[in-house]
Amino acid sequence: MRALSFGLCFTLVLVGSASAGLVERSLRPEMRPSSEAPVAAQTAAAVAVAIRPIARPAVVMKERAVTPAAILAATSNAGFKRWVSGFRGRALRAGISATVFERSFRGVQYLDNVIKRDRNQSEFSKTIWEYLDSAASDTRIANGKAALAQHHAKLDAIEARYGVEKEVVVAVWGLESAYGAFRGNTPIVSALATLSYDGRRGQFFESQLIAALKILQAGDTSPENMTGSWAGAMGHTQFIPTSYLDYAVDFTGDGRRDIWADDPSDALASTAAYLSRFGWETGVPWGVEVTLPRGFDYDLASRRIKKSPTDWAALGVIGANGKAVPNHGAGSILLPAGARGVALMVFKNFKVIERYNAADAYVIGVGHLSDRISGSGPFKADWPREDRALTFAERQQMQRLLSAAGFNTKGVDGKVGPKTIAAIKDFQRSVGMVPDGYASLDLLKRLR
């Protein structure tokens, strides 16, 4: 299941908060479960540089003896100490040398704040328009254009090599770290060790910790320099360690895949390489705004239903500019705010961005920001700004009320998935509402 669904408020985990100042913070739902998916067929452009360079003489682990006792003296958490002792054996069996382990874990700490942030992810909700107000704000657009101009030579070279438009790469950079301004300063080894020991997804984070140690063992960076977000994402475009191992590239040719450096070349190229590896189509938009005809069948607004722009035009779906949408391949209709908001026709590149982060709001944010950086205007349709996001408790109440009224949601979990959307549509039809499946506050009020 994808992290977020259309037809409801977007429940997001945002790093920091956007401001009206000169720099806006990272705007990224934290985890990317889809980044662990199997690698798509590689293109010639994608493998033009070595994915895993062998020699990296610039960063070498110091061969200084660090005893396990010295490692564990750095923290007072007894349970964490026991976990580190047990993990050491697992790391060595996974191919991590004792020297690298001991060097990497010297000074490791149990980070209480990491656990607090991991525990408090579920209740922060934003509507899609509130998210886009920050994701494609005037400040973020202006800073994106400035970044594009400042780094035009390297971005042109990256685009030529990987076939991913430079505006898209810059948009990812803008949402992930505000163009490098907020890369995170949490020690990655400590953060991942903490989450492995005490987090909700210990097995997942332990796999990330092993991958981080492999990065250090390869010599791409040092433990001191390996910093990032509290959840383990690193560098200008916030790669998690396993994705780094699989997709990061050495674009500068210095023998290291350095996504942490002030020079963003390797990070930006790694992002382009990642998107290319998952099938990015050059010259094809992620999506376009469209208008729907009166009497549109809202059951057709589904990612599962794909039609050519010609076939959509035959049903009355045209571009927001009043013209038929050009043939960009099969597309789907998405309604991020239901029938009263912006309507989108999305293409294959939407799914490719989704591999970077599975949150629909994030994909729209990257796509729309890239369009704005390219010079396009804002969406033409209005959003239902008088509405607000439903809280988790309200979504649960909506499910209970739907089921009690005979429109079974097949459970009460606070998540608006396909079964709940189907129940909403059936209820909307029964009371004469537009059956768009959107979980609005007005819908909840009617149910009450």
Protein backbone atom coordinates (compact mmCIF):
# COMPACT_ATOMS: atom_id res chain seq x y z
CA MET A 1 0.00 0.00 0.00
CA ARG A 2 1.28 3.46 -0.83
CA ALA A 3 2.06 5.77 2.05
CA LEU A 4 -0.77 8.18 1.28
CA SER A 5 -3.99 8.02 -0.70
CA PHE A 6 -5.84 10.54 -2.81
CA GLY A 7 -9.30 11.45 -1.64
CA LEU A 8 -8.32 12.37 1.93
CA CYS A 9 -6.13 14.68 3.91
CA PHE A 10 -2.44 13.99 3.63
CA THR A 11 -0.87 12.75 6.87
CA LEU A 12 2.71 13.90 6.70
CA VAL A 13 5.86 13.95 8.75
CA LEU A 14 7.58 17.22 7.95
CA VAL A 15 11.09 18.13 8.94
CA GLY A 16 10.96 21.54 10.54
CA SER A 17 8.42 24.07 9.34
CA ALA A 18 8.40 26.26 6.28
CA SER A 19 8.94 29.91 6.93
CA ALA A 20 8.58 33.10 4.97
CA GLY A 21 12.29 33.76 5.30
CA LEU A 22 15.01 33.48 2.69
CA VAL A 23 15.44 29.75 3.27
CA GLU A 24 12.69 27.21 3.74
CA ARG A 25 13.36 24.00 5.57
CA SER A 26 13.20 20.47 4.26
CA LEU A 27 9.65 19.40 3.44
CA ARG A 28 9.81 15.63 3.36
CA PRO A 29 7.65 12.82 4.67
CA GLU A 30 10.32 10.90 6.57
CA MET A 31 10.51 7.32 5.37
CA ARG A 32 10.56 5.90 1.86
CA PRO A 33 9.37 2.31 1.96
CA SER A 34 9.27 2.08 -1.82
CA SER A 35 13.00 2.75 -2.09
CA GLU A 36 13.61 -0.88 -1.22
CA ALA A 37 11.78 -2.14 -4.32
CA PRO A 38 13.59 -4.27 -6.95
CA VAL A 39 15.74 -2.38 -9.41
CA ALA A 40 14.15 -1.73 -12.78
CA ALA A 41 15.99 -2.48 -16.02
CA GLN A 42 19.08 -0.32 -16.32
CA THR A 43 19.55 2.05 -19.23
CA ALA A 44 22.87 2.77 -20.85
CA ALA A 45 22.82 6.29 -19.44
CA ALA A 46 22.22 5.00 -15.95
CA VAL A 47 25.34 2.88 -15.91
CA ALA A 48 27.61 5.41 -17.57
CA VAL A 49 29.56 5.87 -14.35
CA ALA A 50 30.52 3.25 -11.81
CA ILE A 51 27.83 2.72 -9.18
CA ARG A 52 30.32 1.33 -6.68
CA PRO A 53 33.83 2.70 -7.32
CA ILE A 54 36.46 0.45 -5.75
CA ALA A 55 39.32 2.70 -4.72
CA ARG A 56 38.56 5.58 -2.38
CA PRO A 57 41.92 6.62 -0.96
CA ALA A 58 40.74 10.02 0.28
CA VAL A 59 38.87 8.69 3.31
CA VAL A 60 40.48 5.85 5.23
CA MET A 61 39.47 4.41 8.60
CA LYS A 62 42.12 5.12 11.17
CA GLU A 63 43.69 1.88 12.33
CA ARG A 64 43.46 2.88 15.97
CA ALA A 65 42.42 0.23 18.43
CA VAL A 66 39.10 0.92 20.11
CA THR A 67 37.95 -1.73 22.55
CA PRO A 68 34.29 -2.74 22.92
CA ALA A 69 34.48 -1.55 26.53
CA ALA A 70 35.52 1.91 25.37
CA ILE A 71 32.60 1.97 22.92
CA LEU A 72 30.03 1.11 25.57
CA ALA A 73 31.40 3.59 28.08
CA ALA A 74 29.95 6.36 25.92
CA THR A 75 26.36 5.67 26.95
CA SER A 76 24.64 5.09 30.27
CA ASN A 77 21.65 3.14 28.86
CA ALA A 78 22.23 -0.42 30.08
CA GLY A 79 19.77 -2.01 27.66
CA PHE A 80 21.32 -0.16 24.77
CA LYS A 81 24.78 -1.33 25.84
CA ARG A 82 23.61 -4.94 25.77
CA TRP A 83 22.07 -4.41 22.36
CA VAL A 84 25.31 -2.95 20.97
CA SER A 85 27.26 -5.94 22.30
CA GLY A 86 24.89 -8.33 20.55
CA PHE A 87 24.75 -6.29 17.36
CA ARG A 88 28.54 -6.28 17.07
CA GLY A 89 28.49 -10.02 16.33
CA ARG A 90 25.75 -9.61 13.72
CA ALA A 91 27.64 -6.78 12.05
CA LEU A 92 30.86 -8.80 11.86
CA ARG A 93 28.94 -11.75 10.38
CA ALA A 94 27.56 -9.35 7.78
CA GLY A 95 31.09 -8.54 6.65
CA ILE A 96 31.92 -5.49 8.75
CA SER A 97 35.47 -5.59 10.06
CA ALA A 98 36.10 -5.27 13.77
CA THR A 99 38.20 -2.17 13.13
CA VAL A 100 35.44 -0.44 11.19
CA PHE A 101 32.81 -1.40 13.76
CA GLU A 102 34.83 -0.16 16.70
CA ARG A 103 35.84 3.04 14.96
CA SER A 104 32.25 3.72 13.88
CA PHE A 105 30.75 3.00 17.31
CA ARG A 106 33.28 4.99 19.32
CA GLY A 107 31.19 7.57 21.15
CA VAL A 108 27.86 6.10 20.00
CA GLN A 109 24.93 7.40 22.03
CA TYR A 110 21.35 6.40 22.71
CA LEU A 111 19.43 9.40 21.37
CA ASP A 112 16.23 10.02 23.34
CA ASN A 113 15.08 12.72 20.91
CA VAL A 114 15.18 10.26 18.01
CA ILE A 115 12.76 7.95 19.79
CA LYS A 116 10.49 10.86 20.72
CA ARG A 117 10.29 11.85 17.06
CA ASP A 118 9.70 8.28 15.95
CA ARG A 119 6.84 7.96 18.43
CA ASN A 120 5.08 11.15 17.31
CA GLN A 121 4.62 10.76 13.57
CA SER A 122 1.00 9.81 13.04
CA GLU A 123 -1.07 12.81 14.07
CA PHE A 124 0.36 15.66 12.02
CA SER A 125 -2.04 16.20 9.10
CA LYS A 126 -2.07 18.73 6.28
CA THR A 127 -4.32 19.19 3.32
CA ILE A 128 -2.69 18.96 -0.08
CA TRP A 129 -3.00 22.72 -0.64
CA GLU A 130 -1.36 23.50 2.69
CA TYR A 131 1.52 21.20 1.76
CA LEU A 132 1.89 22.75 -1.70
CA ASP A 133 1.76 26.27 -0.27
CA SER A 134 5.13 25.46 1.28
CA ALA A 135 6.48 22.95 -1.25
CA ALA A 136 6.03 25.43 -4.10
CA SER A 137 6.13 28.69 -2.18
CA ASP A 138 7.50 31.86 -3.77
CA THR A 139 10.62 31.49 -1.63
CA ARG A 140 11.25 27.88 -2.61
CA ILE A 141 10.65 28.66 -6.30
CA ALA A 142 13.00 31.65 -6.22
CA ASN A 143 15.69 29.67 -4.40
CA GLY A 144 15.25 26.83 -6.91
CA LYS A 145 15.78 29.16 -9.84
CA ALA A 146 18.85 30.58 -8.13
CA ALA A 147 20.24 27.07 -7.50
CA LEU A 148 19.57 26.16 -11.14
CA ALA A 149 21.52 29.20 -12.30
CA GLN A 150 24.38 28.72 -9.84
CA HIS A 151 24.93 25.06 -10.72
CA HIS A 152 23.85 25.14 -14.36
CA ALA A 153 27.01 23.56 -15.76
CA LYS A 154 26.98 20.49 -13.51
CA LEU A 155 23.19 20.17 -13.81
CA ASP A 156 23.40 20.28 -17.60
CA ALA A 157 26.04 17.54 -17.47
CA ILE A 158 23.92 15.45 -15.10
CA GLU A 159 20.87 15.84 -17.34
CA ALA A 160 22.88 14.87 -20.40
CA ARG A 161 24.22 11.75 -18.71
CA TYR A 162 21.06 10.45 -17.04
CA GLY A 163 18.24 11.94 -19.10
CA VAL A 164 16.45 13.41 -16.09
CA GLU A 165 15.49 17.06 -16.47
CA LYS A 166 17.59 19.32 -14.27
CA GLU A 167 14.51 21.10 -12.92
CA VAL A 168 13.23 17.81 -11.49
CA VAL A 169 16.58 17.08 -9.83
CA VAL A 170 16.61 20.61 -8.34
CA ALA A 171 13.02 20.19 -7.11
CA VAL A 172 13.94 17.00 -5.25
CA TRP A 173 16.89 18.87 -3.75
CA GLY A 174 14.58 21.73 -2.75
CA LEU A 175 12.10 19.52 -0.92
CA GLU A 176 14.66 17.22 0.67
CA SER A 177 17.05 19.76 2.14
CA ALA A 178 16.01 23.26 0.98
CA TYR A 179 18.82 23.16 -1.61
CA GLY A 180 21.38 21.89 0.87
CA ALA A 181 20.59 24.30 3.69
CA PHE A 182 19.12 21.63 5.99
CA ARG A 183 20.95 18.36 5.46
CA GLY A 184 20.63 17.26 9.09
CA ASN A 185 23.31 17.07 11.76
CA THR A 186 22.24 13.95 13.64
CA PRO A 187 25.03 11.30 13.87
CA ILE A 188 23.71 8.55 11.62
CA VAL A 189 25.30 5.61 13.45
CA SER A 190 23.85 6.73 16.78
CA ALA A 191 20.43 7.44 15.26
CA LEU A 192 20.17 4.10 13.48
CA ALA A 193 21.52 2.20 16.48
CA THR A 194 18.92 3.89 18.68
CA LEU A 195 16.08 3.06 16.27
CA SER A 196 17.34 -0.51 15.82
CA TYR A 197 17.32 -1.04 19.58
CA ASP A 198 14.21 0.88 20.62
CA GLY A 199 12.24 1.82 17.50
CA ARG A 200 9.01 0.50 16.03
CA ARG A 201 10.79 -1.08 13.07
CA GLY A 202 13.94 -2.51 14.58
CA GLN A 203 14.68 -4.98 11.77
CA PHE A 204 14.37 -2.31 9.09
CA PHE A 205 16.63 0.13 10.92
CA GLU A 206 19.20 -2.56 11.69
CA SER A 207 19.44 -3.26 7.96
CA GLN A 208 20.03 0.47 7.44
CA LEU A 209 22.70 0.46 10.15
CA ILE A 210 24.54 -2.45 8.51
CA ALA A 211 24.39 -0.54 5.21
CA ALA A 212 25.76 2.59 6.91
CA LEU A 213 28.70 0.58 8.26
CA LYS A 214 29.33 -0.77 4.74
CA ILE A 215 29.45 2.80 3.46
CA LEU A 216 32.03 3.64 6.12
CA GLN A 217 33.98 0.47 5.38
CA ALA A 218 34.08 1.42 1.68
CA GLY A 219 35.64 4.75 2.60
CA ASP A 220 33.06 7.10 1.09
CA THR A 221 32.99 9.19 4.27
CA SER A 222 33.98 9.11 7.94
CA PRO A 223 31.80 8.40 11.00
CA GLU A 224 32.14 12.04 12.08
CA ASN A 225 30.98 13.28 8.68
CA MET A 226 28.12 10.79 8.34
CA THR A 227 25.28 12.97 9.57
CA GLY A 228 21.72 13.43 8.43
CA SER A 229 18.12 13.26 9.62
CA TRP A 230 16.96 11.58 12.81
CA ALA A 231 15.57 8.70 10.71
CA GLY A 232 18.81 8.01 8.86
CA ALA A 233 18.42 9.94 5.60
CA MET A 234 21.64 11.57 4.46
CA GLY A 235 23.06 14.30 2.30
CA HIS A 236 21.64 16.95 -0.01
CA THR A 237 18.91 14.68 -1.35
CA GLN A 238 18.49 12.50 1.75
CA PHE A 239 19.37 8.97 0.70
CA ILE A 240 18.81 6.20 3.22
CA PRO A 241 21.87 3.92 3.53
CA THR A 242 20.54 0.93 1.53
CA SER A 243 19.47 3.20 -1.33
CA TYR A 244 22.86 4.87 -1.19
CA LEU A 245 24.64 1.53 -1.56
CA ASP A 246 22.49 0.59 -4.55
CA TYR A 247 22.22 3.87 -6.43
CA ALA A 248 24.68 6.57 -5.36
CA VAL A 249 27.31 7.52 -7.95
CA ASP A 250 30.74 9.15 -7.99
CA PHE A 251 30.02 11.93 -10.49
CA THR A 252 33.13 13.98 -9.71
CA GLY A 253 35.47 11.01 -10.28
CA ASP A 254 37.39 11.42 -7.03
CA GLY A 255 36.81 7.81 -5.95
CA ARG A 256 34.10 8.62 -3.39
CA ARG A 257 30.33 8.96 -3.59
CA ASP A 258 30.25 12.02 -1.37
CA ILE A 259 26.65 13.15 -0.91
CA TRP A 260 27.60 15.02 2.30
CA ALA A 261 30.03 17.51 0.74
CA ASP A 262 29.18 21.18 0.30
CA ASP A 263 29.63 20.51 -3.42
CA PRO A 264 26.29 18.85 -4.30
CA SER A 265 27.54 17.19 -7.52
CA ASP A 266 27.55 13.58 -6.32
CA ALA A 267 24.21 13.99 -4.51
CA LEU A 268 22.43 15.56 -7.47
CA ALA A 269 23.87 13.01 -9.88
CA SER A 270 22.88 10.19 -7.53
CA THR A 271 19.30 11.46 -7.52
CA ALA A 272 19.24 11.60 -11.32
CA ALA A 273 20.79 8.13 -11.51
CA TYR A 274 18.15 6.80 -9.13
CA LEU A 275 15.27 8.21 -11.16
CA SER A 276 16.85 7.01 -14.38
CA ARG A 277 17.29 3.49 -13.05
CA PHE A 278 13.58 3.33 -12.30
CA GLY A 279 12.59 4.27 -15.83
CA TRP A 280 12.43 8.07 -16.09
CA GLU A 281 11.19 9.16 -19.54
CA THR A 282 12.94 12.26 -20.85
CA GLY A 283 10.64 14.95 -22.15
CA VAL A 284 7.50 13.46 -20.57
CA PRO A 285 5.75 15.42 -17.80
CA TRP A 286 5.02 13.89 -14.43
CA GLY A 287 1.47 15.14 -14.86
CA VAL A 288 -0.64 17.98 -16.21
CA GLU A 289 -3.62 19.86 -14.84
CA VAL A 290 -6.88 19.00 -16.58
CA THR A 291 -10.54 19.96 -16.47
CA LEU A 292 -13.28 17.37 -16.17
CA PRO A 293 -16.58 17.50 -18.03
CA ARG A 294 -19.95 17.92 -16.35
CA GLY A 295 -21.25 14.51 -15.39
CA PHE A 296 -17.77 12.94 -15.23
CA ASP A 297 -17.77 9.37 -13.91
CA TYR A 298 -15.64 9.71 -10.78
CA ASP A 299 -15.05 5.98 -10.67
CA LEU A 300 -12.63 6.66 -13.54
CA ALA A 301 -10.45 8.79 -11.24
CA SER A 302 -8.13 5.97 -10.20
CA ARG A 303 -4.48 5.11 -10.60
CA ARG A 304 -5.61 1.68 -11.77
CA ILE A 305 -7.36 3.15 -14.82
CA LYS A 306 -5.05 4.30 -17.60
CA LYS A 307 -6.07 5.80 -20.94
CA SER A 308 -4.31 7.70 -23.67
CA PRO A 309 -4.87 11.47 -23.68
CA THR A 310 -6.87 10.96 -26.89
CA ASP A 311 -9.21 8.53 -25.16
CA TRP A 312 -9.55 10.88 -22.19
CA ALA A 313 -10.34 13.74 -24.58
CA ALA A 314 -13.11 11.62 -26.10
CA LEU A 315 -14.64 11.54 -22.61
CA GLY A 316 -14.36 15.32 -22.31
CA VAL A 317 -11.15 15.50 -20.26
CA ILE A 318 -8.92 18.25 -21.62
CA GLY A 319 -5.97 20.29 -20.40
CA ALA A 320 -6.55 23.22 -18.07
CA ASN A 321 -5.39 25.40 -20.99
CA GLY A 322 -8.50 24.35 -22.94
CA LYS A 323 -6.60 22.14 -25.38
CA ALA A 324 -6.31 18.38 -25.70
CA VAL A 325 -3.44 16.95 -23.66
CA PRO A 326 -0.53 15.89 -25.92
CA ASN A 327 0.16 12.18 -26.24
CA HIS A 328 2.53 11.46 -23.36
CA GLY A 329 1.47 7.84 -23.10
CA ALA A 330 -1.17 6.30 -20.87
CA GLY A 331 -2.32 8.53 -18.03
CA SER A 332 -4.58 8.34 -14.99
CA ILE A 333 -6.88 10.93 -13.45
CA LEU A 334 -6.14 11.94 -9.86
CA LEU A 335 -8.16 14.24 -7.63
CA PRO A 336 -6.01 15.18 -4.64
CA ALA A 337 -8.81 17.25 -3.07
CA GLY A 338 -11.83 15.54 -4.57
CA ALA A 339 -14.15 17.02 -7.18
CA ARG A 340 -13.75 20.58 -5.85
CA GLY A 341 -9.98 20.87 -6.28
CA VAL A 342 -7.28 20.53 -8.91
CA ALA A 343 -7.63 17.58 -11.30
CA LEU A 344 -4.48 15.96 -12.66
CA MET A 345 -3.64 13.57 -15.47
CA VAL A 346 -0.47 11.77 -14.36
CA PHE A 347 1.95 9.72 -16.43
CA LYS A 348 4.74 7.21 -15.89
CA ASN A 349 7.15 9.75 -14.41
CA PHE A 350 4.72 10.27 -11.50
CA LYS A 351 5.33 6.64 -10.57
CA VAL A 352 9.09 7.08 -10.95
CA ILE A 353 9.15 10.00 -8.48
CA GLU A 354 6.99 7.86 -6.24
CA ARG A 355 9.87 5.38 -6.01
CA TYR A 356 11.91 8.14 -4.36
CA ASN A 357 9.17 8.77 -1.83
CA ALA A 358 5.80 7.02 -1.84
CA ALA A 359 3.77 9.94 -0.45
CA ASP A 360 1.43 11.31 -3.12
CA ALA A 361 1.74 14.83 -1.74
CA TYR A 362 5.53 14.61 -2.07
CA VAL A 363 5.29 13.48 -5.70
CA ILE A 364 2.93 16.32 -6.58
CA GLY A 365 5.19 18.70 -4.66
CA VAL A 366 8.29 17.67 -6.61
CA GLY A 367 6.43 17.75 -9.91
CA HIS A 368 4.76 21.10 -9.35
CA LEU A 369 7.91 22.71 -7.95
CA SER A 370 9.90 21.53 -10.97
CA ASP A 371 7.26 23.05 -13.27
CA ARG A 372 7.36 26.36 -11.39
CA ILE A 373 11.17 26.44 -11.51
CA SER A 374 10.87 25.86 -15.27
CA GLY A 375 8.67 28.95 -15.54
CA SER A 376 5.16 27.50 -15.52
CA GLY A 377 2.43 29.19 -13.52
CA PRO A 378 0.43 27.93 -10.54
CA PHE A 379 -2.48 25.53 -10.84
CA LYS A 380 -5.49 27.20 -12.47
CA ALA A 381 -8.22 25.52 -10.42
CA ASP A 382 -8.95 26.55 -6.85
CA TRP A 383 -8.60 24.36 -3.78
CA PRO A 384 -11.42 24.00 -1.23
CA ARG A 385 -9.55 26.10 1.28
CA GLU A 386 -12.52 26.40 3.60
CA ASP A 387 -12.07 22.68 4.30
CA ARG A 388 -9.49 21.24 6.68
CA ALA A 389 -7.77 17.92 7.19
CA LEU A 390 -9.58 15.37 9.33
CA THR A 391 -7.75 14.27 12.44
CA PHE A 392 -6.94 10.62 13.02
CA ALA A 393 -9.80 10.37 15.52
CA GLU A 394 -12.20 11.98 13.04
CA ARG A 395 -11.20 9.54 10.32
CA GLN A 396 -11.90 6.68 12.70
CA GLN A 397 -15.27 8.22 13.58
CA MET A 398 -16.08 8.57 9.88
CA GLN A 399 -15.36 4.87 9.34
CA ARG A 400 -17.53 3.87 12.29
CA LEU A 401 -20.41 6.06 11.10
CA LEU A 402 -20.16 4.80 7.53
CA SER A 403 -20.25 1.19 8.67
CA ALA A 404 -23.17 1.86 11.03
CA ALA A 405 -25.08 3.43 8.13
CA GLY A 406 -24.61 0.30 6.03
CA PHE A 407 -21.52 1.36 4.09
CA ASN A 408 -18.95 -1.05 5.47
CA THR A 409 -15.35 0.21 5.56
CA LYS A 410 -14.11 -3.27 6.60
CA GLY A 411 -12.39 -1.93 9.68
CA VAL A 412 -11.69 1.20 11.73
CA ASP A 413 -8.03 2.12 11.39
CA GLY A 414 -8.08 5.84 10.60
CA LYS A 415 -6.64 5.16 7.13
CA VAL A 416 -8.62 6.13 4.07
CA GLY A 417 -7.74 3.28 1.73
CA PRO A 418 -9.62 1.71 -1.20
CA LYS A 419 -12.33 0.06 0.95
CA THR A 420 -13.09 3.25 2.83
CA ILE A 421 -13.08 5.28 -0.39
CA ALA A 422 -15.55 2.81 -1.92
CA ALA A 423 -17.78 3.15 1.15
CA ILE A 424 -17.59 6.95 0.95
CA LYS A 425 -18.61 6.88 -2.71
CA ASP A 426 -21.60 4.66 -1.98
CA PHE A 427 -22.70 6.97 0.83
CA GLN A 428 -22.22 10.06 -1.35
CA ARG A 429 -24.43 8.55 -4.05
CA SER A 430 -27.08 7.72 -1.49
CA VAL A 431 -27.39 11.35 -0.34
CA GLY A 432 -26.91 13.05 -3.70
CA MET A 433 -23.33 14.20 -3.19
CA VAL A 434 -20.70 14.06 -5.95
CA PRO A 435 -19.26 10.53 -5.55
CA ASP A 436 -15.59 11.48 -5.58
CA GLY A 437 -14.55 9.41 -2.54
CA TYR A 438 -13.06 12.44 -0.79
CA ALA A 439 -13.03 12.27 3.01
CA SER A 440 -14.01 15.86 3.74
CA LEU A 441 -15.20 17.58 6.89
CA ASP A 442 -18.55 18.17 5.16
CA LEU A 443 -18.87 14.42 4.63
CA LEU A 444 -18.22 13.76 8.31
CA LYS A 445 -20.80 16.37 9.32
CA ARG A 446 -23.42 14.70 7.13
CA LEU A 447 -22.66 11.34 8.67
CA ARG A 448 -23.07 12.79 12.14
